[in-house]
Protein backbone atom coordinates (compact mmCIF):
# COMPACT_ATOMS: atom_id res chain seq x y z
CA GLN A 1 100.30 194.13 -39.35
CA LEU A 2 97.84 192.94 -36.73
CA ALA A 3 98.67 193.31 -33.07
CA THR A 4 98.16 190.17 -31.05
CA SER A 5 97.98 189.84 -27.33
CA PRO A 6 100.77 187.82 -25.78
CA THR A 7 99.87 184.35 -24.61
CA PRO A 8 101.37 183.07 -21.40
CA PRO A 9 103.96 180.36 -21.81
CA PRO A 10 102.61 176.83 -21.22
CA ALA A 11 104.86 176.41 -18.16
CA SER A 12 103.09 179.24 -16.34
CA LEU A 13 100.07 177.12 -15.45
CA PRO A 14 101.88 174.26 -13.70
CA THR A 15 104.15 176.71 -11.89
CA ALA A 16 101.18 178.67 -10.60
CA ALA A 17 99.44 175.48 -9.48
CA ALA A 18 102.57 174.16 -7.75
CA SER A 19 103.28 177.39 -5.93
CA HIS A 20 99.93 177.93 -4.19
CA ALA A 21 99.76 177.85 -0.40
CA GLY A 22 100.10 174.60 1.48
CA TRP A 23 103.88 174.52 1.84
CA ARG A 24 105.66 174.31 5.20
CA VAL A 25 109.28 174.36 6.28
CA ILE A 26 109.96 171.35 8.50
CA VAL A 27 112.84 171.74 10.93
CA TYR A 28 112.49 168.75 13.29
CA THR A 29 110.58 165.45 13.40
CA TYR A 30 109.55 163.61 16.57
CA ASP A 31 107.72 160.39 17.43
CA ARG A 32 106.16 161.92 20.56
CA ARG A 33 104.10 165.11 20.75
CA PRO A 34 105.61 166.26 24.10
CA ASP A 35 109.11 166.17 22.56
CA ALA A 36 107.92 168.25 19.58
CA GLU A 37 106.17 170.73 21.91
CA LYS A 38 109.36 171.12 23.96
CA LYS A 39 111.35 171.89 20.82
CA VAL A 40 108.71 174.46 19.77
CA ALA A 41 109.06 176.16 23.17
CA ASP A 42 112.86 176.18 22.85
CA LEU A 43 112.72 177.62 19.34
CA ALA A 44 110.16 180.25 20.37
CA ARG A 45 112.59 181.38 23.09
CA THR A 46 115.70 181.47 20.90
CA HIS A 47 114.08 182.56 17.60
CA PRO A 48 110.71 184.18 18.42
CA GLY A 49 110.27 185.53 14.89
CA LEU A 50 110.14 182.04 13.38
CA GLN A 51 106.70 181.23 14.82
CA PRO A 52 107.42 177.53 15.40
CA GLU A 53 104.53 175.11 15.75
CA VAL A 54 103.80 171.40 15.99
CA PHE A 55 102.23 170.05 12.83
CA THR A 56 101.08 166.55 11.99
CA PRO A 57 99.59 165.83 8.58
CA SER A 58 98.00 162.58 9.77
CA GLY A 59 96.78 163.49 13.27
CA HIS A 60 99.37 161.19 14.87
CA ALA A 61 103.13 160.56 14.72
CA PRO A 62 105.31 161.80 13.23
CA TYR A 63 105.04 165.20 14.91
CA LEU A 64 106.72 167.82 12.77
CA VAL A 65 108.09 171.14 13.97
CA SER A 66 107.47 173.73 11.27
CA ILE A 67 108.35 177.41 11.14
CA ASP A 68 106.40 180.41 9.85
CA GLY A 69 103.20 178.48 9.13
CA VAL A 70 101.71 177.77 5.71
CA MET A 71 103.09 179.57 2.65
CA ASP A 72 103.60 179.20 -1.06
CA ARG A 73 106.41 177.12 -2.58
CA ASP A 74 108.80 179.96 -3.34
CA ALA A 75 108.47 181.44 0.15
CA ALA A 76 109.04 178.02 1.74
CA TYR A 77 112.24 177.35 -0.20
CA ALA A 78 113.50 180.88 0.47
CA LEU A 79 112.79 180.52 4.20
CA ALA A 80 114.54 177.14 4.39
CA HIS A 81 117.57 178.66 2.67
CA ARG A 82 117.65 181.76 4.92
CA SER A 83 117.08 179.80 8.13
CA ARG A 84 120.23 177.72 7.71
CA SER A 85 122.20 180.78 8.84
CA LEU A 86 120.32 180.66 12.17
CA ARG A 87 122.06 177.42 13.17
CA LEU A 88 118.98 175.35 12.48
CA PRO A 89 119.45 171.83 11.09
CA HIS A 90 120.89 171.74 7.60
CA ASP A 91 118.50 168.93 6.68
CA MET A 92 115.38 171.08 7.12
CA TYR A 93 113.11 170.92 4.11
CA ALA A 94 110.08 172.47 2.43
CA GLN A 95 107.11 170.26 1.62
CA ASN A 96 103.61 170.74 0.30
CA TYR A 97 100.90 169.46 2.63
CA SER A 98 97.83 170.75 0.78
CA ARG A 99 95.23 168.10 0.10
């Protein structure tokens, strides 16, 4: 009997491609940058470990408040799930913003 090396399952390639960095957890959305910056300051005071920041994918409104920076897909979904226990909005979401 010949020994063969295992081949990765076909699903492993799309999963790896989909999970690379570029994901963010979005907690709040604002039309005006000063409002988003105020929320970031409030969050930094109440939850300093979350590293909140203003993010805009287009360079103008909407201004998004994200937490913990850029990460991979699995980390983003896990963070969104964990952060609900911190009394953050239940409609927060993870989204990929890589180009």
